[in-house]
């Protein structure tokens, strides 16, 4: 889901709860599709798997700030050194919450 796959309604409901079910019932309007990526990132925050690292790095370029913020939160929680480059870009993001998450994650990673 982090990379936009919405083919598993069960996963959408598991990660999104009642709002996820509402999106399924009403269809997925384009202006709300970013919530799928937010919920996927939130799920990875609590249940990380290294297989998701390429998608996490790519999510650092997501058009929606909430997804980019979760990249920083996940990278910091799991001290993921391969996210350093994307975090260094996110410290210059337009959204303060994204910048804060990136700075905190870089603090966890420390110096090379």
PDB file of N, CA and C in Angstrom:
ATOM      1  N   UNK A   1       0.805  -1.192   0.000  1.00  0.00           N
ATOM      2  CA  UNK A   1       0.000   0.000   0.000  1.00  0.00           C
ATOM      3  C   UNK A   1       0.855   1.265   0.000  1.00  0.00           C
ATOM      4  N   UNK A   2       2.044   1.183   0.559  1.00  0.00           N
ATOM      5  CA  UNK A   2       2.895   2.369   0.612  1.00  0.00           C
ATOM      6  C   UNK A   2       3.238   2.884  -0.774  1.00  0.00           C
ATOM      7  N   UNK A   3       3.306   1.991  -1.732  1.00  0.00           N
ATOM      8  CA  UNK A   3       3.602   2.432  -3.097  1.00  0.00           C
ATOM      9  C   UNK A   3       2.347   2.555  -3.963  1.00  0.00           C
ATOM     10  N   UNK A   4       1.163   2.599  -3.317  1.00  0.00           N
ATOM     11  CA  UNK A   4      -0.070   2.883  -4.039  1.00  0.00           C
ATOM     12  C   UNK A   4      -0.938   1.685  -4.381  1.00  0.00           C
ATOM     13  N   UNK A   5      -0.551   0.485  -3.972  1.00  0.00           N
ATOM     14  CA  UNK A   5      -1.347  -0.706  -4.284  1.00  0.00           C
ATOM     15  C   UNK A   5      -2.571  -0.752  -3.362  1.00  0.00           C
ATOM     16  N   UNK A   6      -3.749  -0.661  -3.941  1.00  0.00           N
ATOM     17  CA  UNK A   6      -4.979  -0.684  -3.144  1.00  0.00           C
ATOM     18  C   UNK A   6      -5.798  -1.947  -3.404  1.00  0.00           C
ATOM     19  N   UNK A   7      -5.124  -3.034  -3.772  1.00  0.00           N
ATOM     20  CA  UNK A   7      -5.829  -4.243  -4.193  1.00  0.00           C
ATOM     21  C   UNK A   7      -6.229  -5.165  -3.048  1.00  0.00           C
ATOM     22  N   UNK A   8      -5.891  -4.832  -1.798  1.00  0.00           N
ATOM     23  CA  UNK A   8      -6.217  -5.702  -0.675  1.00  0.00           C
ATOM     24  C   UNK A   8      -7.152  -4.981   0.297  1.00  0.00           C
ATOM     25  N   UNK A   9      -8.465  -5.110   0.101  1.00  0.00           N
ATOM     26  CA  UNK A   9      -9.410  -4.417   0.986  1.00  0.00           C
ATOM     27  C   UNK A   9      -9.246  -4.801   2.450  1.00  0.00           C
ATOM     28  N   UNK A  10      -8.899  -6.045   2.715  1.00  0.00           N
ATOM     29  CA  UNK A  10      -8.709  -6.484   4.097  1.00  0.00           C
ATOM     30  C   UNK A  10      -7.579  -5.723   4.777  1.00  0.00           C
ATOM     31  N   UNK A  11      -6.510  -5.488   4.046  1.00  0.00           N
ATOM     32  CA  UNK A  11      -5.387  -4.738   4.595  1.00  0.00           C
ATOM     33  C   UNK A  11      -5.768  -3.274   4.808  1.00  0.00           C
ATOM     34  N   UNK A  12      -6.532  -2.720   3.888  1.00  0.00           N
ATOM     35  CA  UNK A  12      -6.984  -1.332   4.029  1.00  0.00           C
ATOM     36  C   UNK A  12      -7.796  -1.181   5.310  1.00  0.00           C
ATOM     37  N   UNK A  13      -8.690  -2.114   5.568  1.00  0.00           N
ATOM     38  CA  UNK A  13      -9.514  -2.047   6.776  1.00  0.00           C
ATOM     39  C   UNK A  13      -8.664  -2.306   8.015  1.00  0.00           C
ATOM     40  N   UNK A  14      -7.735  -3.255   7.937  1.00  0.00           N
ATOM     41  CA  UNK A  14      -6.883  -3.547   9.089  1.00  0.00           C
ATOM     42  C   UNK A  14      -6.043  -2.335   9.487  1.00  0.00           C
ATOM     43  N   UNK A  15      -5.551  -1.609   8.514  1.00  0.00           N
ATOM     44  CA  UNK A  15      -4.699  -0.460   8.808  1.00  0.00           C
ATOM     45  C   UNK A  15      -5.485   0.832   9.004  1.00  0.00           C
ATOM     46  N   UNK A  16      -6.599   0.968   8.314  1.00  0.00           N
ATOM     47  CA  UNK A  16      -7.362   2.210   8.367  1.00  0.00           C
ATOM     48  C   UNK A  16      -8.574   2.188   9.272  1.00  0.00           C
ATOM     49  N   UNK A  17      -8.968   0.998   9.748  1.00  0.00           N
ATOM     50  CA  UNK A  17     -10.126   0.895  10.615  1.00  0.00           C
ATOM     51  C   UNK A  17     -11.408   1.333   9.914  1.00  0.00           C
ATOM     52  N   UNK A  18     -12.342   1.899  10.666  1.00  0.00           N
ATOM     53  CA  UNK A  18     -13.609   2.350  10.072  1.00  0.00           C
ATOM     54  C   UNK A  18     -13.428   3.338   8.911  1.00  0.00           C
ATOM     55  N   UNK A  19     -12.482   4.283   8.990  1.00  0.00           N
ATOM     56  CA  UNK A  19     -12.291   5.141   7.815  1.00  0.00           C
ATOM     57  C   UNK A  19     -11.848   4.347   6.574  1.00  0.00           C
ATOM     58  N   UNK A  20     -11.051   3.299   6.779  1.00  0.00           N
ATOM     59  CA  UNK A  20     -10.658   2.455   5.656  1.00  0.00           C
ATOM     60  C   UNK A  20     -11.850   1.752   5.049  1.00  0.00           C
ATOM     61  N   UNK A  21     -12.733   1.249   5.911  1.00  0.00           N
ATOM     62  CA  UNK A  21     -13.954   0.600   5.415  1.00  0.00           C
ATOM     63  C   UNK A  21     -14.821   1.598   4.660  1.00  0.00           C
ATOM     64  N   UNK A  22     -14.909   2.818   5.164  1.00  0.00           N
ATOM     65  CA  UNK A  22     -15.708   3.845   4.489  1.00  0.00           C
ATOM     66  C   UNK A  22     -15.147   4.148   3.106  1.00  0.00           C
ATOM     67  N   UNK A  23     -13.823   4.200   2.998  1.00  0.00           N
ATOM     68  CA  UNK A  23     -13.224   4.442   1.681  1.00  0.00           C
ATOM     69  C   UNK A  23     -13.537   3.307   0.715  1.00  0.00           C
ATOM     70  N   UNK A  24     -13.524   2.083   1.210  1.00  0.00           N
ATOM     71  CA  UNK A  24     -13.845   0.941   0.353  1.00  0.00           C
ATOM     72  C   UNK A  24     -15.311   0.993  -0.066  1.00  0.00           C
ATOM     73  N   UNK A  25     -16.189   1.255   0.899  1.00  0.00           N
ATOM     74  CA  UNK A  25     -17.629   1.283   0.620  1.00  0.00           C
ATOM     75  C   UNK A  25     -18.001   2.375  -0.376  1.00  0.00           C
ATOM     76  N   UNK A  26     -17.355   3.511  -0.280  1.00  0.00           N
ATOM     77  CA  UNK A  26     -17.693   4.664  -1.127  1.00  0.00           C
ATOM     78  C   UNK A  26     -16.805   4.773  -2.352  1.00  0.00           C
ATOM     79  N   UNK A  27     -15.824   3.891  -2.454  1.00  0.00           N
ATOM     80  CA  UNK A  27     -14.830   4.023  -3.514  1.00  0.00           C
ATOM     81  C   UNK A  27     -13.667   4.857  -2.996  1.00  0.00           C
ATOM     82  N   UNK A  28     -12.625   4.891  -3.738  1.00  0.00           N
ATOM     83  CA  UNK A  28     -11.416   5.603  -3.312  1.00  0.00           C
ATOM     84  C   UNK A  28     -11.253   6.875  -4.131  1.00  0.00           C
ATOM     85  N   UNK A  29     -11.829   7.992  -3.671  1.00  0.00           N
ATOM     86  CA  UNK A  29     -11.689   9.225  -4.438  1.00  0.00           C
ATOM     87  C   UNK A  29     -10.226   9.654  -4.500  1.00  0.00           C
ATOM     88  N   UNK A  30      -9.816  10.162  -5.613  1.00  0.00           N
ATOM     89  CA  UNK A  30      -8.399  10.526  -5.801  1.00  0.00           C
ATOM     90  C   UNK A  30      -7.843  11.435  -4.712  1.00  0.00           C
ATOM     91  N   UNK A  31      -8.624  12.376  -4.217  1.00  0.00           N
ATOM     92  CA  UNK A  31      -8.101  13.309  -3.230  1.00  0.00           C
ATOM     93  C   UNK A  31      -7.910  12.680  -1.843  1.00  0.00           C
ATOM     94  N   UNK A  32      -8.391  11.467  -1.628  1.00  0.00           N
ATOM     95  CA  UNK A  32      -8.207  10.783  -0.349  1.00  0.00           C
ATOM     96  C   UNK A  32      -7.297   9.566  -0.439  1.00  0.00           C
ATOM     97  N   UNK A  33      -6.806   9.250  -1.610  1.00  0.00           N
ATOM     98  CA  UNK A  33      -5.986   8.047  -1.790  1.00  0.00           C
ATOM     99  C   UNK A  33      -4.693   8.095  -0.985  1.00  0.00           C
ATOM    100  N   UNK A  34      -4.219   9.275  -0.668  1.00  0.00           N
ATOM    101  CA  UNK A  34      -2.974   9.375   0.098  1.00  0.00           C
ATOM    102  C   UNK A  34      -3.115   8.714   1.468  1.00  0.00           C
ATOM    103  N   UNK A  35      -4.351   8.633   1.994  1.00  0.00           N
ATOM    104  CA  UNK A  35      -4.540   7.995   3.295  1.00  0.00           C
ATOM    105  C   UNK A  35      -4.104   6.536   3.276  1.00  0.00           C
ATOM    106  N   UNK A  36      -4.238   5.867   2.156  1.00  0.00           N
ATOM    107  CA  UNK A  36      -3.764   4.479   2.066  1.00  0.00           C
ATOM    108  C   UNK A  36      -2.266   4.421   2.338  1.00  0.00           C
ATOM    109  N   UNK A  37      -1.524   5.359   1.761  1.00  0.00           N
ATOM    110  CA  UNK A  37      -0.073   5.389   1.960  1.00  0.00           C
ATOM    111  C   UNK A  37       0.276   5.776   3.396  1.00  0.00           C
ATOM    112  N   UNK A  38      -0.512   6.688   3.973  1.00  0.00           N
ATOM    113  CA  UNK A  38      -0.289   7.075   5.370  1.00  0.00           C
ATOM    114  C   UNK A  38      -0.516   5.867   6.272  1.00  0.00           C
ATOM    115  N   UNK A  39      -1.619   5.157   6.067  1.00  0.00           N
ATOM    116  CA  UNK A  39      -1.915   3.987   6.906  1.00  0.00           C
ATOM    117  C   UNK A  39      -0.864   2.899   6.731  1.00  0.00           C
ATOM    118  N   UNK A  40      -0.397   2.718   5.513  1.00  0.00           N
ATOM    119  CA  UNK A  40       0.649   1.710   5.274  1.00  0.00           C
ATOM    120  C   UNK A  40       1.913   2.086   6.032  1.00  0.00           C
ATOM    121  N   UNK A  41       2.293   3.344   5.976  1.00  0.00           N
ATOM    122  CA  UNK A  41       3.496   3.785   6.697  1.00  0.00           C
ATOM    123  C   UNK A  41       3.307   3.616   8.204  1.00  0.00           C
ATOM    124  N   UNK A  42       2.141   3.981   8.694  1.00  0.00           N
ATOM    125  CA  UNK A  42       1.870   3.830  10.127  1.00  0.00           C
ATOM    126  C   UNK A  42       1.974   2.361  10.537  1.00  0.00           C
ATOM    127  N   UNK A  43       1.475   1.473   9.675  1.00  0.00           N
ATOM    128  CA  UNK A  43       1.594   0.041   9.963  1.00  0.00           C
ATOM    129  C   UNK A  43       3.048  -0.400  10.023  1.00  0.00           C
ATOM    130  N   UNK A  44       3.867   0.132   9.114  1.00  0.00           N
ATOM    131  CA  UNK A  44       5.292  -0.220   9.128  1.00  0.00           C
ATOM    132  C   UNK A  44       6.002   0.351  10.344  1.00  0.00           C
ATOM    133  N   UNK A  45       5.518   1.451  10.872  1.00  0.00           N
ATOM    134  CA  UNK A  45       6.095   2.018  12.087  1.00  0.00           C
ATOM    135  C   UNK A  45       5.992   1.018  13.240  1.00  0.00           C
ATOM    136  N   UNK A  46       4.878   0.304  13.288  1.00  0.00           N
ATOM    137  CA  UNK A  46       4.658  -0.646  14.377  1.00  0.00           C
ATOM    138  C   UNK A  46       5.134  -2.055  14.055  1.00  0.00           C
ATOM    139  N   UNK A  47       5.243  -2.385  12.785  1.00  0.00           N
ATOM    140  CA  UNK A  47       5.642  -3.744  12.390  1.00  0.00           C
ATOM    141  C   UNK A  47       6.594  -3.628  11.205  1.00  0.00           C
ATOM    142  N   UNK A  48       7.822  -3.198  11.465  1.00  0.00           N
ATOM    143  CA  UNK A  48       8.798  -2.971  10.403  1.00  0.00           C
ATOM    144  C   UNK A  48       9.268  -4.285   9.799  1.00  0.00           C
ATOM    145  N   UNK A  49       9.520  -4.259   8.499  1.00  0.00           N
ATOM    146  CA  UNK A  49      10.133  -5.367   7.770  1.00  0.00           C
ATOM    147  C   UNK A  49      11.104  -4.754   6.765  1.00  0.00           C
ATOM    148  N   UNK A  50      12.350  -5.217   6.789  1.00  0.00           N
ATOM    149  CA  UNK A  50      13.370  -4.666   5.895  1.00  0.00           C
ATOM    150  C   UNK A  50      13.002  -4.799   4.416  1.00  0.00           C
ATOM    151  N   UNK A  51      12.084  -5.699   4.084  1.00  0.00           N
ATOM    152  CA  UNK A  51      11.652  -5.823   2.691  1.00  0.00           C
ATOM    153  C   UNK A  51      10.991  -4.542   2.183  1.00  0.00           C
ATOM    154  N   UNK A  52      10.497  -3.722   3.102  1.00  0.00           N
ATOM    155  CA  UNK A  52       9.809  -2.487   2.722  1.00  0.00           C
ATOM    156  C   UNK A  52      10.761  -1.304   2.553  1.00  0.00           C
ATOM    157  N   UNK A  53      12.053  -1.505   2.771  1.00  0.00           N
ATOM    158  CA  UNK A  53      12.999  -0.387   2.717  1.00  0.00           C
ATOM    159  C   UNK A  53      12.979   0.360   1.384  1.00  0.00           C
ATOM    160  N   UNK A  54      12.975  -0.312   0.230  1.00  0.00           N
ATOM    161  CA  UNK A  54      12.933   0.450  -1.028  1.00  0.00           C
ATOM    162  C   UNK A  54      11.682   1.329  -1.150  1.00  0.00           C
ATOM    163  N   UNK A  55      10.540   0.810  -0.720  1.00  0.00           N
ATOM    164  CA  UNK A  55       9.309   1.593  -0.784  1.00  0.00           C
ATOM    165  C   UNK A  55       9.352   2.760   0.203  1.00  0.00           C
ATOM    166  N   UNK A  56       9.967   2.531   1.367  1.00  0.00           N
ATOM    167  CA  UNK A  56      10.081   3.604   2.351  1.00  0.00           C
ATOM    168  C   UNK A  56      10.947   4.734   1.804  1.00  0.00           C
ATOM    169  N   UNK A  57      12.060   4.385   1.207  1.00  0.00           N
ATOM    170  CA  UNK A  57      12.945   5.402   0.632  1.00  0.00           C
ATOM    171  C   UNK A  57      12.207   6.172  -0.466  1.00  0.00           C
ATOM    172  N   UNK A  58      11.489   5.464  -1.301  1.00  0.00           N
ATOM    173  CA  UNK A  58      10.711   6.111  -2.361  1.00  0.00           C
ATOM    174  C   UNK A  58       9.628   7.019  -1.783  1.00  0.00           C
ATOM    175  N   UNK A  59       9.052   6.617  -0.655  1.00  0.00           N
ATOM    176  CA  UNK A  59       7.994   7.415  -0.024  1.00  0.00           C
ATOM    177  C   UNK A  59       8.515   8.764   0.472  1.00  0.00           C
ATOM    178  N   UNK A  60       9.810   8.892   0.587  1.00  0.00           N
ATOM    179  CA  UNK A  60      10.385  10.185   0.945  1.00  0.00           C
ATOM    180  C   UNK A  60      10.133  11.250  -0.100  1.00  0.00           C
ATOM    181  N   UNK A  61       9.709  10.837  -1.290  1.00  0.00           N
ATOM    182  CA  UNK A  61       9.379  11.763  -2.381  1.00  0.00           C
ATOM    183  C   UNK A  61       7.867  11.883  -2.578  1.00  0.00           C
ATOM    184  N   UNK A  62       7.089  11.302  -1.667  1.00  0.00           N
ATOM    185  CA  UNK A  62       5.636  11.305  -1.825  1.00  0.00           C
ATOM    186  C   UNK A  62       5.107  12.735  -1.893  1.00  0.00           C
ATOM    187  N   UNK A  63       4.039  12.927  -2.646  1.00  0.00           N
ATOM    188  CA  UNK A  63       3.458  14.256  -2.805  1.00  0.00           C
ATOM    189  C   UNK A  63       2.774  14.742  -1.534  1.00  0.00           C
ATOM    190  N   UNK A  64       2.389  13.837  -0.654  1.00  0.00           N
ATOM    191  CA  UNK A  64       1.683  14.244   0.554  1.00  0.00           C
ATOM    192  C   UNK A  64       2.614  14.258   1.759  1.00  0.00           C
ATOM    193  N   UNK A  65       2.567  15.340   2.498  1.00  0.00           N
ATOM    194  CA  UNK A  65       3.495  15.532   3.608  1.00  0.00           C
ATOM    195  C   UNK A  65       3.339  14.485   4.707  1.00  0.00           C
ATOM    196  N   UNK A  66       2.133  13.970   4.942  1.00  0.00           N
ATOM    197  CA  UNK A  66       1.962  12.982   6.018  1.00  0.00           C
ATOM    198  C   UNK A  66       2.766  11.712   5.738  1.00  0.00           C
ATOM    199  N   UNK A  67       2.843  11.330   4.491  1.00  0.00           N
ATOM    200  CA  UNK A  67       3.629  10.140   4.120  1.00  0.00           C
ATOM    201  C   UNK A  67       5.109  10.430   4.355  1.00  0.00           C
ATOM    202  N   UNK A  68       5.574  11.582   3.913  1.00  0.00           N
ATOM    203  CA  UNK A  68       6.991  11.942   4.110  1.00  0.00           C
ATOM    204  C   UNK A  68       7.336  12.018   5.597  1.00  0.00           C
ATOM    205  N   UNK A  69       6.424  12.516   6.407  1.00  0.00           N
ATOM    206  CA  UNK A  69       6.664  12.574   7.848  1.00  0.00           C
ATOM    207  C   UNK A  69       6.883  11.175   8.418  1.00  0.00           C
ATOM    208  N   UNK A  70       6.067  10.217   7.984  1.00  0.00           N
ATOM    209  CA  UNK A  70       6.213   8.850   8.484  1.00  0.00           C
ATOM    210  C   UNK A  70       7.543   8.230   8.071  1.00  0.00           C
ATOM    211  N   UNK A  71       8.081   8.637   6.950  1.00  0.00           N
ATOM    212  CA  UNK A  71       9.408   8.143   6.547  1.00  0.00           C
ATOM    213  C   UNK A  71      10.418   8.481   7.642  1.00  0.00           C
ATOM    214  N   UNK A  72      10.398   9.725   8.095  1.00  0.00           N
ATOM    215  CA  UNK A  72      11.313  10.128   9.167  1.00  0.00           C
ATOM    216  C   UNK A  72      11.056   9.373  10.453  1.00  0.00           C
ATOM    217  N   UNK A  73       9.792   9.210  10.816  1.00  0.00           N
ATOM    218  CA  UNK A  73       9.459   8.513  12.054  1.00  0.00           C
ATOM    219  C   UNK A  73       9.937   7.058  12.023  1.00  0.00           C
ATOM    220  N   UNK A  74       9.714   6.400  10.904  1.00  0.00           N
ATOM    221  CA  UNK A  74      10.119   4.994  10.776  1.00  0.00           C
ATOM    222  C   UNK A  74      11.641   4.873  10.769  1.00  0.00           C
ATOM    223  N   UNK A  75      12.292   5.732   9.988  1.00  0.00           N
ATOM    224  CA  UNK A  75      13.756   5.686   9.899  1.00  0.00           C
ATOM    225  C   UNK A  75      14.390   5.898  11.263  1.00  0.00           C
ATOM    226  N   UNK A  76      13.822   6.794  12.062  1.00  0.00           N
ATOM    227  CA  UNK A  76      14.349   7.034  13.396  1.00  0.00           C
ATOM    228  C   UNK A  76      14.060   5.902  14.358  1.00  0.00           C
ATOM    229  N   UNK A  77      12.866   5.393  14.307  1.00  0.00           N
ATOM    230  CA  UNK A  77      12.495   4.309  15.236  1.00  0.00           C
ATOM    231  C   UNK A  77      13.375   3.076  15.036  1.00  0.00           C
ATOM    232  N   UNK A  78      13.692   2.767  13.783  1.00  0.00           N
ATOM    233  CA  UNK A  78      14.434   1.547  13.493  1.00  0.00           C
ATOM    234  C   UNK A  78      15.893   1.814  13.106  1.00  0.00           C
ATOM    235  N   UNK A  79      16.328   3.068  13.243  1.00  0.00           N
ATOM    236  CA  UNK A  79      17.715   3.449  12.946  1.00  0.00           C
ATOM    237  C   UNK A  79      18.165   2.846  11.615  1.00  0.00           C
ATOM    238  N   UNK A  80      17.526   3.281  10.541  1.00  0.00           N
ATOM    239  CA  UNK A  80      17.770   2.726   9.207  1.00  0.00           C
ATOM    240  C   UNK A  80      18.799   3.574   8.462  1.00  0.00           C
ATOM    241  N   UNK A  81      20.063   3.171   8.470  1.00  0.00           N
ATOM    242  CA  UNK A  81      21.108   3.999   7.866  1.00  0.00           C
ATOM    243  C   UNK A  81      20.930   4.226   6.364  1.00  0.00           C
ATOM    244  N   UNK A  82      20.278   3.313   5.667  1.00  0.00           N
ATOM    245  CA  UNK A  82      20.108   3.486   4.213  1.00  0.00           C
ATOM    246  C   UNK A  82      19.099   4.578   3.870  1.00  0.00           C
ATOM    247  N   UNK A  83      18.449   5.146   4.889  1.00  0.00           N
ATOM    248  CA  UNK A  83      17.509   6.244   4.647  1.00  0.00           C
ATOM    249  C   UNK A  83      18.181   7.607   4.791  1.00  0.00           C
ATOM    250  N   UNK A  84      19.455   7.631   5.131  1.00  0.00           N
ATOM    251  CA  UNK A  84      20.142   8.894   5.412  1.00  0.00           C
ATOM    252  C   UNK A  84      19.977   9.911   4.276  1.00  0.00           C
ATOM    253  N   UNK A  85      20.160   9.490   3.045  1.00  0.00           N
ATOM    254  CA  UNK A  85      20.090  10.426   1.917  1.00  0.00           C
ATOM    255  C   UNK A  85      18.711  11.077   1.816  1.00  0.00           C
ATOM    256  N   UNK A  86      17.662  10.286   1.934  1.00  0.00           N
ATOM    257  CA  UNK A  86      16.312  10.857   1.846  1.00  0.00           C
ATOM    258  C   UNK A  86      16.037  11.743   3.055  1.00  0.00           C
ATOM    259  N   UNK A  87      16.522  11.364   4.223  1.00  0.00           N
ATOM    260  CA  UNK A  87      16.335  12.196   5.413  1.00  0.00           C
ATOM    261  C   UNK A  87      17.037  13.536   5.260  1.00  0.00           C
ATOM    262  N   UNK A  88      18.209  13.523   4.667  1.00  0.00           N
ATOM    263  CA  UNK A  88      18.938  14.770   4.464  1.00  0.00           C
ATOM    264  C   UNK A  88      18.185  15.705   3.519  1.00  0.00           C
ATOM    265  N   UNK A  89      17.424  15.148   2.605  1.00  0.00           N
ATOM    266  CA  UNK A  89      16.562  15.983   1.757  1.00  0.00           C
ATOM    267  C   UNK A  89      15.346  16.469   2.538  1.00  0.00           C
ATOM    268  N   UNK A  90      14.797  15.600   3.378  1.00  0.00           N
ATOM    269  CA  UNK A  90      13.579  15.955   4.104  1.00  0.00           C
ATOM    270  C   UNK A  90      13.806  17.034   5.163  1.00  0.00           C
ATOM    271  N   UNK A  91      15.024  17.242   5.605  1.00  0.00           N
ATOM    272  CA  UNK A  91      15.259  18.326   6.571  1.00  0.00           C
ATOM    273  C   UNK A  91      15.031  19.695   5.932  1.00  0.00           C
ATOM    274  N   UNK A  92      14.888  19.724   4.615  1.00  0.00           N
ATOM    275  CA  UNK A  92      14.605  20.973   3.898  1.00  0.00           C
ATOM    276  C   UNK A  92      13.176  21.013   3.359  1.00  0.00           C
ATOM    277  N   UNK A  93      12.335  20.095   3.812  1.00  0.00           N
ATOM    278  CA  UNK A  93      10.945  20.030   3.360  1.00  0.00           C
ATOM    279  C   UNK A  93      10.207  21.312   3.745  1.00  0.00           C
ATOM    280  N   UNK A  94       9.164  21.635   3.001  1.00  0.00           N
ATOM    281  CA  UNK A  94       8.358  22.824   3.286  1.00  0.00           C
ATOM    282  C   UNK A  94       7.517  22.682   4.557  1.00  0.00           C
ATOM    283  N   UNK A  95       7.274  21.444   4.981  1.00  0.00           N
ATOM    284  CA  UNK A  95       6.370  21.201   6.112  1.00  0.00           C
ATOM    285  C   UNK A  95       7.185  20.979   7.390  1.00  0.00           C
ATOM    286  N   UNK A  96       6.943  21.787   8.416  1.00  0.00           N
ATOM    287  CA  UNK A  96       7.715  21.660   9.655  1.00  0.00           C
ATOM    288  C   UNK A  96       7.692  20.266  10.279  1.00  0.00           C
ATOM    289  N   UNK A  97       6.556  19.593  10.254  1.00  0.00           N
ATOM    290  CA  UNK A  97       6.486  18.254  10.862  1.00  0.00           C
ATOM    291  C   UNK A  97       7.372  17.262  10.128  1.00  0.00           C
ATOM    292  N   UNK A  98       7.494  17.396   8.825  1.00  0.00           N
ATOM    293  CA  UNK A  98       8.383  16.522   8.049  1.00  0.00           C
ATOM    294  C   UNK A  98       9.831  16.821   8.429  1.00  0.00           C
ATOM    295  N   UNK A  99      10.178  18.096   8.480  1.00  0.00           N
ATOM    296  CA  UNK A  99      11.544  18.481   8.854  1.00  0.00           C
ATOM    297  C   UNK A  99      11.894  17.960  10.244  1.00  0.00           C
ATOM    298  N   UNK A 100      10.976  18.099  11.183  1.00  0.00           N
ATOM    299  CA  UNK A 100      11.220  17.641  12.552  1.00  0.00           C
ATOM    300  C   UNK A 100      11.467  16.141  12.600  1.00  0.00           C
ATOM    301  N   UNK A 101      10.638  15.378  11.908  1.00  0.00           N
ATOM    302  CA  UNK A 101      10.814  13.915  11.890  1.00  0.00           C
ATOM    303  C   UNK A 101      12.153  13.543  11.273  1.00  0.00           C
ATOM    304  N   UNK A 102      12.557  14.241  10.218  1.00  0.00           N
ATOM    305  CA  UNK A 102      13.831  13.949   9.558  1.00  0.00           C
ATOM    306  C   UNK A 102      15.014  14.292  10.462  1.00  0.00           C
ATOM    307  N   UNK A 103      14.961  15.432  11.131  1.00  0.00           N
ATOM    308  CA  UNK A 103      16.046  15.840  12.037  1.00  0.00           C
ATOM    309  C   UNK A 103      16.178  14.845  13.179  1.00  0.00           C
ATOM    310  N   UNK A 104      15.056  14.443  13.744  1.00  0.00           N
ATOM    311  CA  UNK A 104      15.101  13.460  14.842  1.00  0.00           C
ATOM    312  C   UNK A 104      15.689  12.140  14.375  1.00  0.00           C
ATOM    313  N   UNK A 105      15.292  11.694  13.195  1.00  0.00           N
ATOM    314  CA  UNK A 105      15.813  10.432  12.674  1.00  0.00           C
ATOM    315  C   UNK A 105      17.316  10.526  12.429  1.00  0.00           C
ATOM    316  N   UNK A 106      17.769  11.640  11.871  1.00  0.00           N
ATOM    317  CA  UNK A 106      19.205  11.805  11.656  1.00  0.00           C
ATOM    318  C   UNK A 106      19.949  11.830  12.986  1.00  0.00           C
ATOM    319  N   UNK A 107      19.315  12.374  14.009  1.00  0.00           N
ATOM    320  CA  UNK A 107      19.924  12.356  15.343  1.00  0.00           C
ATOM    321  C   UNK A 107      20.103  10.941  15.860  1.00  0.00           C
ATOM    322  N   UNK A 108      19.139  10.087  15.580  1.00  0.00           N
ATOM    323  CA  UNK A 108      19.248   8.677  15.979  1.00  0.00           C
ATOM    324  C   UNK A 108      20.375   7.995  15.204  1.00  0.00           C
ATOM    325  N   UNK A 109      20.461   8.309  13.901  1.00  0.00           N
ATOM    326  CA  UNK A 109      21.489   7.679  13.080  1.00  0.00           C
ATOM    327  C   UNK A 109      22.881   8.156  13.466  1.00  0.00           C
ATOM    328  N   UNK A 110      22.994   9.391  13.928  1.00  0.00           N
ATOM    329  CA  UNK A 110      24.298   9.924  14.321  1.00  0.00           C
ATOM    330  C   UNK A 110      25.197  10.120  13.119  1.00  0.00           C
ATOM    331  N   UNK A 111      26.466  10.339  13.403  1.00  0.00           N
ATOM    332  CA  UNK A 111      27.454  10.541  12.329  1.00  0.00           C
ATOM    333  C   UNK A 111      27.877   9.205  11.740  1.00  0.00           C
ATOM    334  N   UNK A 112      28.329   9.281  10.484  1.00  0.00           N
ATOM    335  CA  UNK A 112      28.799   8.045   9.810  1.00  0.00           C
ATOM    336  C   UNK A 112      29.933   7.408  10.529  1.00  0.00           C
TER     337      UNK A 112
END
